[in-house]
């Protein structure tokens, strides 16, 4: 959520301000008269609460599973070639 504070407030509360800053949040620093001076943006990476799947490992497992279940003398490539004719 965007926040706007004065430079003086930022100086007094900088550590707390930085700890509260989350990815996607911005803090606009303004002079006492409201003139914008700077924008603080978090550079912390966004950590997913759910780990991303290892697709390479999953594809290898799937290939092994298909290989075990394959019931024909022809390879998958041969069958696909015949289907394209």
PDB file of N, CA and C in Angstrom:
ATOM      1  N   UNK A   1       0.846  -1.175   0.000  1.00  0.00           N
ATOM      2  CA  UNK A   1       0.000   0.000   0.000  1.00  0.00           C
ATOM      3  C   UNK A   1       0.895   1.243   0.000  1.00  0.00           C
ATOM      4  N   UNK A   2       0.670   2.177  -0.909  1.00  0.00           N
ATOM      5  CA  UNK A   2       1.490   3.392  -0.958  1.00  0.00           C
ATOM      6  C   UNK A   2       1.288   4.244   0.294  1.00  0.00           C
ATOM      7  N   UNK A   3       2.376   4.793   0.782  1.00  0.00           N
ATOM      8  CA  UNK A   3       2.357   5.647   1.966  1.00  0.00           C
ATOM      9  C   UNK A   3       3.113   6.920   1.640  1.00  0.00           C
ATOM     10  N   UNK A   4       2.697   8.014   2.242  1.00  0.00           N
ATOM     11  CA  UNK A   4       3.403   9.280   2.081  1.00  0.00           C
ATOM     12  C   UNK A   4       3.725   9.821   3.459  1.00  0.00           C
ATOM     13  N   UNK A   5       5.012  10.131   3.703  1.00  0.00           N
ATOM     14  CA  UNK A   5       5.423  10.716   4.976  1.00  0.00           C
ATOM     15  C   UNK A   5       6.468  11.790   4.716  1.00  0.00           C
ATOM     16  N   UNK A   6       6.658  12.636   5.704  1.00  0.00           N
ATOM     17  CA  UNK A   6       7.664  13.689   5.566  1.00  0.00           C
ATOM     18  C   UNK A   6       9.049  13.103   5.804  1.00  0.00           C
ATOM     19  N   UNK A   7      10.043  13.802   5.316  1.00  0.00           N
ATOM     20  CA  UNK A   7      11.426  13.366   5.502  1.00  0.00           C
ATOM     21  C   UNK A   7      11.749  13.292   6.989  1.00  0.00           C
ATOM     22  N   UNK A   8      11.270  14.263   7.760  1.00  0.00           N
ATOM     23  CA  UNK A   8      11.517  14.273   9.215  1.00  0.00           C
ATOM     24  C   UNK A   8      10.973  13.025   9.885  1.00  0.00           C
ATOM     25  N   UNK A   9       9.750  12.627   9.522  1.00  0.00           N
ATOM     26  CA  UNK A   9       9.161  11.397  10.071  1.00  0.00           C
ATOM     27  C   UNK A   9       9.993  10.185   9.669  1.00  0.00           C
ATOM     28  N   UNK A  10      10.450  10.173   8.438  1.00  0.00           N
ATOM     29  CA  UNK A  10      11.251   9.046   7.947  1.00  0.00           C
ATOM     30  C   UNK A  10      12.566   8.939   8.708  1.00  0.00           C
ATOM     31  N   UNK A  11      13.198  10.082   8.994  1.00  0.00           N
ATOM     32  CA  UNK A  11      14.470  10.071   9.725  1.00  0.00           C
ATOM     33  C   UNK A  11      14.272   9.487  11.120  1.00  0.00           C
ATOM     34  N   UNK A  12      13.202   9.894  11.800  1.00  0.00           N
ATOM     35  CA  UNK A  12      12.966   9.425  13.168  1.00  0.00           C
ATOM     36  C   UNK A  12      12.523   7.965  13.227  1.00  0.00           C
ATOM     37  N   UNK A  13      11.893   7.494  12.173  1.00  0.00           N
ATOM     38  CA  UNK A  13      11.325   6.136  12.178  1.00  0.00           C
ATOM     39  C   UNK A  13      11.866   5.265  11.052  1.00  0.00           C
ATOM     40  N   UNK A  14      13.083   5.547  10.591  1.00  0.00           N
ATOM     41  CA  UNK A  14      13.592   4.859   9.402  1.00  0.00           C
ATOM     42  C   UNK A  14      13.651   3.346   9.573  1.00  0.00           C
ATOM     43  N   UNK A  15      14.184   2.877  10.692  1.00  0.00           N
ATOM     44  CA  UNK A  15      14.315   1.429  10.871  1.00  0.00           C
ATOM     45  C   UNK A  15      12.950   0.745  10.845  1.00  0.00           C
ATOM     46  N   UNK A  16      11.980   1.288  11.570  1.00  0.00           N
ATOM     47  CA  UNK A  16      10.631   0.715  11.583  1.00  0.00           C
ATOM     48  C   UNK A  16      10.004   0.797  10.197  1.00  0.00           C
ATOM     49  N   UNK A  17      10.208   1.902   9.527  1.00  0.00           N
ATOM     50  CA  UNK A  17       9.670   2.102   8.187  1.00  0.00           C
ATOM     51  C   UNK A  17      10.199   1.044   7.228  1.00  0.00           C
ATOM     52  N   UNK A  18      11.496   0.792   7.271  1.00  0.00           N
ATOM     53  CA  UNK A  18      12.100  -0.196   6.380  1.00  0.00           C
ATOM     54  C   UNK A  18      11.646  -1.617   6.712  1.00  0.00           C
ATOM     55  N   UNK A  19      11.459  -1.907   7.996  1.00  0.00           N
ATOM     56  CA  UNK A  19      11.006  -3.246   8.394  1.00  0.00           C
ATOM     57  C   UNK A  19       9.566  -3.500   7.948  1.00  0.00           C
ATOM     58  N   UNK A  20       8.749  -2.469   7.903  1.00  0.00           N
ATOM     59  CA  UNK A  20       7.353  -2.612   7.486  1.00  0.00           C
ATOM     60  C   UNK A  20       7.187  -2.660   5.976  1.00  0.00           C
ATOM     61  N   UNK A  21       8.177  -2.190   5.246  1.00  0.00           N
ATOM     62  CA  UNK A  21       8.096  -2.115   3.787  1.00  0.00           C
ATOM     63  C   UNK A  21       8.117  -3.524   3.197  1.00  0.00           C
ATOM     64  N   UNK A  22       7.049  -3.877   2.515  1.00  0.00           N
ATOM     65  CA  UNK A  22       6.956  -5.207   1.918  1.00  0.00           C
ATOM     66  C   UNK A  22       6.995  -5.092   0.398  1.00  0.00           C
ATOM     67  N   UNK A  23       7.301  -6.178  -0.304  1.00  0.00           N
ATOM     68  CA  UNK A  23       7.340  -6.118  -1.766  1.00  0.00           C
ATOM     69  C   UNK A  23       6.038  -5.553  -2.327  1.00  0.00           C
ATOM     70  N   UNK A  24       6.183  -4.624  -3.232  1.00  0.00           N
ATOM     71  CA  UNK A  24       5.027  -3.989  -3.840  1.00  0.00           C
ATOM     72  C   UNK A  24       4.628  -2.680  -3.155  1.00  0.00           C
ATOM     73  N   UNK A  25       5.081  -2.485  -1.915  1.00  0.00           N
ATOM     74  CA  UNK A  25       4.775  -1.246  -1.199  1.00  0.00           C
ATOM     75  C   UNK A  25       5.753  -0.151  -1.591  1.00  0.00           C
ATOM     76  N   UNK A  26       5.288   1.076  -1.522  1.00  0.00           N
ATOM     77  CA  UNK A  26       6.154   2.236  -1.740  1.00  0.00           C
ATOM     78  C   UNK A  26       5.885   3.261  -0.656  1.00  0.00           C
ATOM     79  N   UNK A  27       6.905   4.014  -0.341  1.00  0.00           N
ATOM     80  CA  UNK A  27       6.780   5.127   0.600  1.00  0.00           C
ATOM     81  C   UNK A  27       7.319   6.354  -0.108  1.00  0.00           C
ATOM     82  N   UNK A  28       6.480   7.372  -0.242  1.00  0.00           N
ATOM     83  CA  UNK A  28       6.902   8.623  -0.856  1.00  0.00           C
ATOM     84  C   UNK A  28       7.329   9.577   0.248  1.00  0.00           C
ATOM     85  N   UNK A  29       8.568  10.069   0.151  1.00  0.00           N
ATOM     86  CA  UNK A  29       9.082  11.029   1.118  1.00  0.00           C
ATOM     87  C   UNK A  29       8.834  12.427   0.574  1.00  0.00           C
ATOM     88  N   UNK A  30       8.213  13.268   1.415  1.00  0.00           N
ATOM     89  CA  UNK A  30       7.885  14.625   0.990  1.00  0.00           C
ATOM     90  C   UNK A  30       8.476  15.637   1.970  1.00  0.00           C
ATOM     91  N   UNK A  31       8.666  16.853   1.481  1.00  0.00           N
ATOM     92  CA  UNK A  31       9.085  17.954   2.356  1.00  0.00           C
ATOM     93  C   UNK A  31       7.898  18.351   3.225  1.00  0.00           C
ATOM     94  N   UNK A  32       8.138  19.192   4.198  1.00  0.00           N
ATOM     95  CA  UNK A  32       7.074  19.648   5.094  1.00  0.00           C
ATOM     96  C   UNK A  32       5.936  20.305   4.317  1.00  0.00           C
ATOM     97  N   UNK A  33       6.258  20.942   3.190  1.00  0.00           N
ATOM     98  CA  UNK A  33       5.213  21.610   2.396  1.00  0.00           C
ATOM     99  C   UNK A  33       4.511  20.649   1.419  1.00  0.00           C
ATOM    100  N   UNK A  34       4.908  19.357   1.426  1.00  0.00           N
ATOM    101  CA  UNK A  34       4.253  18.369   0.579  1.00  0.00           C
ATOM    102  C   UNK A  34       4.932  18.091  -0.738  1.00  0.00           C
ATOM    103  N   UNK A  35       6.067  18.762  -1.007  1.00  0.00           N
ATOM    104  CA  UNK A  35       6.786  18.535  -2.256  1.00  0.00           C
ATOM    105  C   UNK A  35       7.468  17.161  -2.224  1.00  0.00           C
ATOM    106  N   UNK A  36       7.177  16.287  -3.178  1.00  0.00           N
ATOM    107  CA  UNK A  36       7.810  14.959  -3.205  1.00  0.00           C
ATOM    108  C   UNK A  36       9.324  15.071  -3.416  1.00  0.00           C
ATOM    109  N   UNK A  37      10.066  14.243  -2.671  1.00  0.00           N
ATOM    110  CA  UNK A  37      11.530  14.227  -2.794  1.00  0.00           C
ATOM    111  C   UNK A  37      12.060  12.873  -3.267  1.00  0.00           C
ATOM    112  N   UNK A  38      11.458  11.807  -2.776  1.00  0.00           N
ATOM    113  CA  UNK A  38      11.977  10.476  -3.097  1.00  0.00           C
ATOM    114  C   UNK A  38      10.895   9.430  -2.878  1.00  0.00           C
ATOM    115  N   UNK A  39      11.159   8.259  -3.414  1.00  0.00           N
ATOM    116  CA  UNK A  39      10.261   7.125  -3.215  1.00  0.00           C
ATOM    117  C   UNK A  39      11.102   5.954  -2.730  1.00  0.00           C
ATOM    118  N   UNK A  40      10.678   5.334  -1.638  1.00  0.00           N
ATOM    119  CA  UNK A  40      11.333   4.118  -1.144  1.00  0.00           C
ATOM    120  C   UNK A  40      10.573   2.911  -1.697  1.00  0.00           C
ATOM    121  N   UNK A  41      11.330   1.944  -2.199  1.00  0.00           N
ATOM    122  CA  UNK A  41      10.740   0.723  -2.741  1.00  0.00           C
ATOM    123  C   UNK A  41      11.512  -0.451  -2.175  1.00  0.00           C
ATOM    124  N   UNK A  42      10.808  -1.457  -1.700  1.00  0.00           N
ATOM    125  CA  UNK A  42      11.464  -2.640  -1.152  1.00  0.00           C
ATOM    126  C   UNK A  42      12.166  -3.427  -2.258  1.00  0.00           C
ATOM    127  N   UNK A  43      13.367  -3.922  -1.955  1.00  0.00           N
ATOM    128  CA  UNK A  43      14.064  -4.784  -2.912  1.00  0.00           C
ATOM    129  C   UNK A  43      14.104  -6.228  -2.437  1.00  0.00           C
ATOM    130  N   UNK A  44      13.397  -6.507  -1.331  1.00  0.00           N
ATOM    131  CA  UNK A  44      13.320  -7.883  -0.852  1.00  0.00           C
ATOM    132  C   UNK A  44      12.553  -8.715  -1.862  1.00  0.00           C
ATOM    133  N   UNK A  45      13.023  -9.924  -2.160  1.00  0.00           N
ATOM    134  CA  UNK A  45      12.287 -10.768  -3.105  1.00  0.00           C
ATOM    135  C   UNK A  45      10.976 -11.229  -2.482  1.00  0.00           C
ATOM    136  N   UNK A  46      10.002 -11.450  -3.331  1.00  0.00           N
ATOM    137  CA  UNK A  46       8.734 -11.976  -2.855  1.00  0.00           C
ATOM    138  C   UNK A  46       8.914 -13.468  -2.623  1.00  0.00           C
ATOM    139  N   UNK A  47       8.611 -13.911  -1.419  1.00  0.00           N
ATOM    140  CA  UNK A  47       8.750 -15.322  -1.075  1.00  0.00           C
ATOM    141  C   UNK A  47       7.379 -15.961  -1.179  1.00  0.00           C
ATOM    142  N   UNK A  48       7.289 -16.963  -2.029  1.00  0.00           N
ATOM    143  CA  UNK A  48       6.026 -17.657  -2.220  1.00  0.00           C
ATOM    144  C   UNK A  48       5.734 -18.528  -1.005  1.00  0.00           C
ATOM    145  N   UNK A  49       4.506 -18.502  -0.494  1.00  0.00           N
ATOM    146  CA  UNK A  49       4.180 -19.359   0.643  1.00  0.00           C
ATOM    147  C   UNK A  49       4.161 -20.835   0.254  1.00  0.00           C
ATOM    148  N   UNK A  50       4.056 -21.105  -1.049  1.00  0.00           N
ATOM    149  CA  UNK A  50       4.058 -22.481  -1.526  1.00  0.00           C
ATOM    150  C   UNK A  50       5.257 -22.666  -2.448  1.00  0.00           C
ATOM    151  N   UNK A  51       6.098 -23.655  -2.180  1.00  0.00           N
ATOM    152  CA  UNK A  51       7.253 -23.865  -3.059  1.00  0.00           C
ATOM    153  C   UNK A  51       6.804 -24.224  -4.474  1.00  0.00           C
ATOM    154  N   UNK A  52       7.554 -23.750  -5.441  1.00  0.00           N
ATOM    155  CA  UNK A  52       7.243 -24.053  -6.838  1.00  0.00           C
ATOM    156  C   UNK A  52       7.635 -25.487  -7.156  1.00  0.00           C
ATOM    157  N   UNK A  53       6.849 -26.164  -7.972  1.00  0.00           N
ATOM    158  CA  UNK A  53       7.171 -27.560  -8.291  1.00  0.00           C
ATOM    159  C   UNK A  53       8.432 -27.663  -9.137  1.00  0.00           C
ATOM    160  N   UNK A  54       9.132 -28.769  -8.985  1.00  0.00           N
ATOM    161  CA  UNK A  54      10.321 -29.045  -9.793  1.00  0.00           C
ATOM    162  C   UNK A  54       9.850 -29.769 -11.052  1.00  0.00           C
ATOM    163  N   UNK A  55       9.574 -28.980 -12.106  1.00  0.00           N
ATOM    164  CA  UNK A  55       8.998 -29.542 -13.322  1.00  0.00           C
ATOM    165  C   UNK A  55       9.937 -30.509 -14.022  1.00  0.00           C
ATOM    166  N   UNK A  56      11.238 -30.255 -13.984  1.00  0.00           N
ATOM    167  CA  UNK A  56      12.184 -31.172 -14.642  1.00  0.00           C
ATOM    168  C   UNK A  56      12.099 -32.558 -14.010  1.00  0.00           C
ATOM    169  N   UNK A  57      12.092 -32.603 -12.689  1.00  0.00           N
ATOM    170  CA  UNK A  57      12.011 -33.880 -11.989  1.00  0.00           C
ATOM    171  C   UNK A  57      10.672 -34.553 -12.306  1.00  0.00           C
ATOM    172  N   UNK A  58       9.604 -33.766 -12.329  1.00  0.00           N
ATOM    173  CA  UNK A  58       8.278 -34.329 -12.601  1.00  0.00           C
ATOM    174  C   UNK A  58       8.203 -34.905 -14.009  1.00  0.00           C
ATOM    175  N   UNK A  59       8.798 -34.218 -14.990  1.00  0.00           N
ATOM    176  CA  UNK A  59       8.796 -34.730 -16.368  1.00  0.00           C
ATOM    177  C   UNK A  59       9.582 -36.039 -16.460  1.00  0.00           C
ATOM    178  N   UNK A  60      10.722 -36.136 -15.778  1.00  0.00           N
ATOM    179  CA  UNK A  60      11.517 -37.376 -15.792  1.00  0.00           C
ATOM    180  C   UNK A  60      10.726 -38.530 -15.177  1.00  0.00           C
ATOM    181  N   UNK A  61      10.049 -38.256 -14.055  1.00  0.00           N
ATOM    182  CA  UNK A  61       9.230 -39.286 -13.409  1.00  0.00           C
ATOM    183  C   UNK A  61       8.107 -39.743 -14.338  1.00  0.00           C
ATOM    184  N   UNK A  62       7.481 -38.794 -14.997  1.00  0.00           N
ATOM    185  CA  UNK A  62       6.400 -39.122 -15.928  1.00  0.00           C
ATOM    186  C   UNK A  62       6.920 -39.958 -17.094  1.00  0.00           C
ATOM    187  N   UNK A  63       8.089 -39.620 -17.615  1.00  0.00           N
ATOM    188  CA  UNK A  63       8.683 -40.389 -18.717  1.00  0.00           C
ATOM    189  C   UNK A  63       8.955 -41.822 -18.270  1.00  0.00           C
ATOM    190  N   UNK A  64       9.465 -42.009 -17.046  1.00  0.00           N
ATOM    191  CA  UNK A  64       9.717 -43.362 -16.534  1.00  0.00           C
ATOM    192  C   UNK A  64       8.411 -44.130 -16.377  1.00  0.00           C
ATOM    193  N   UNK A  65       7.390 -43.462 -15.884  1.00  0.00           N
ATOM    194  CA  UNK A  65       6.085 -44.102 -15.697  1.00  0.00           C
ATOM    195  C   UNK A  65       5.500 -44.546 -17.034  1.00  0.00           C
ATOM    196  N   UNK A  66       5.592 -43.711 -18.031  1.00  0.00           N
ATOM    197  CA  UNK A  66       5.105 -44.066 -19.368  1.00  0.00           C
ATOM    198  C   UNK A  66       5.920 -45.224 -19.931  1.00  0.00           C
ATOM    199  N   UNK A  67       7.234 -45.174 -19.733  1.00  0.00           N
ATOM    200  CA  UNK A  67       8.103 -46.246 -20.210  1.00  0.00           C
ATOM    201  C   UNK A  67       7.749 -47.592 -19.601  1.00  0.00           C
ATOM    202  N   UNK A  68       7.422 -47.605 -18.316  1.00  0.00           N
ATOM    203  CA  UNK A  68       7.044 -48.864 -17.651  1.00  0.00           C
ATOM    204  C   UNK A  68       5.696 -49.383 -18.160  1.00  0.00           C
ATOM    205  N   UNK A  69       4.812 -48.463 -18.525  1.00  0.00           N
ATOM    206  CA  UNK A  69       3.467 -48.858 -18.954  1.00  0.00           C
ATOM    207  C   UNK A  69       3.382 -49.138 -20.454  1.00  0.00           C
ATOM    208  N   UNK A  70       4.431 -48.840 -21.198  1.00  0.00           N
ATOM    209  CA  UNK A  70       4.407 -48.993 -22.655  1.00  0.00           C
ATOM    210  C   UNK A  70       4.279 -50.470 -23.010  1.00  0.00           C
ATOM    211  N   UNK A  71       3.244 -50.834 -23.801  1.00  0.00           N
ATOM    212  CA  UNK A  71       2.943 -52.243 -24.072  1.00  0.00           C
ATOM    213  C   UNK A  71       3.121 -52.630 -25.530  1.00  0.00           C
ATOM    214  N   UNK A  72       3.882 -51.922 -26.298  1.00  0.00           N
ATOM    215  CA  UNK A  72       4.024 -52.227 -27.716  1.00  0.00           C
ATOM    216  C   UNK A  72       5.499 -52.293 -28.088  1.00  0.00           C
ATOM    217  N   UNK A  73       5.757 -52.972 -29.199  1.00  0.00           N
ATOM    218  CA  UNK A  73       7.118 -53.079 -29.690  1.00  0.00           C
ATOM    219  C   UNK A  73       7.577 -51.776 -30.346  1.00  0.00           C
ATOM    220  N   UNK A  74       6.622 -51.012 -30.847  1.00  0.00           N
ATOM    221  CA  UNK A  74       6.965 -49.762 -31.524  1.00  0.00           C
ATOM    222  C   UNK A  74       7.239 -48.664 -30.498  1.00  0.00           C
ATOM    223  N   UNK A  75       8.126 -47.779 -30.878  1.00  0.00           N
ATOM    224  CA  UNK A  75       8.402 -46.638 -30.005  1.00  0.00           C
ATOM    225  C   UNK A  75       7.315 -45.584 -30.193  1.00  0.00           C
ATOM    226  N   UNK A  76       7.243 -44.678 -29.268  1.00  0.00           N
ATOM    227  CA  UNK A  76       6.276 -43.581 -29.367  1.00  0.00           C
ATOM    228  C   UNK A  76       6.542 -42.765 -30.626  1.00  0.00           C
ATOM    229  N   UNK A  77       7.804 -42.593 -30.986  1.00  0.00           N
ATOM    230  CA  UNK A  77       8.159 -41.835 -32.180  1.00  0.00           C
ATOM    231  C   UNK A  77       7.630 -42.531 -33.437  1.00  0.00           C
ATOM    232  N   UNK A  78       7.745 -43.844 -33.486  1.00  0.00           N
ATOM    233  CA  UNK A  78       7.236 -44.582 -34.644  1.00  0.00           C
ATOM    234  C   UNK A  78       5.718 -44.443 -34.749  1.00  0.00           C
ATOM    235  N   UNK A  79       5.043 -44.527 -33.640  1.00  0.00           N
ATOM    236  CA  UNK A  79       3.577 -44.414 -33.652  1.00  0.00           C
ATOM    237  C   UNK A  79       3.156 -43.023 -34.089  1.00  0.00           C
ATOM    238  N   UNK A  80       3.820 -42.015 -33.576  1.00  0.00           N
ATOM    239  CA  UNK A  80       3.489 -40.644 -33.977  1.00  0.00           C
ATOM    240  C   UNK A  80       3.763 -40.424 -35.465  1.00  0.00           C
ATOM    241  N   UNK A  81       4.842 -40.991 -35.959  1.00  0.00           N
ATOM    242  CA  UNK A  81       5.162 -40.862 -37.396  1.00  0.00           C
ATOM    243  C   UNK A  81       4.060 -41.491 -38.245  1.00  0.00           C
ATOM    244  N   UNK A  82       3.580 -42.655 -37.832  1.00  0.00           N
ATOM    245  CA  UNK A  82       2.501 -43.315 -38.566  1.00  0.00           C
ATOM    246  C   UNK A  82       1.217 -42.513 -38.507  1.00  0.00           C
ATOM    247  N   UNK A  83       0.953 -41.894 -37.374  1.00  0.00           N
ATOM    248  CA  UNK A  83      -0.274 -41.107 -37.224  1.00  0.00           C
ATOM    249  C   UNK A  83      -0.248 -39.874 -38.125  1.00  0.00           C
ATOM    250  N   UNK A  84       0.919 -39.355 -38.388  1.00  0.00           N
ATOM    251  CA  UNK A  84       1.028 -38.133 -39.211  1.00  0.00           C
ATOM    252  C   UNK A  84       0.834 -38.433 -40.691  1.00  0.00           C
ATOM    253  N   UNK A  85       0.953 -39.695 -41.110  1.00  0.00           N
ATOM    254  CA  UNK A  85       0.809 -40.063 -42.516  1.00  0.00           C
ATOM    255  C   UNK A  85      -0.603 -40.021 -42.971  1.00  0.00           C
TER     256      UNK A  85
END
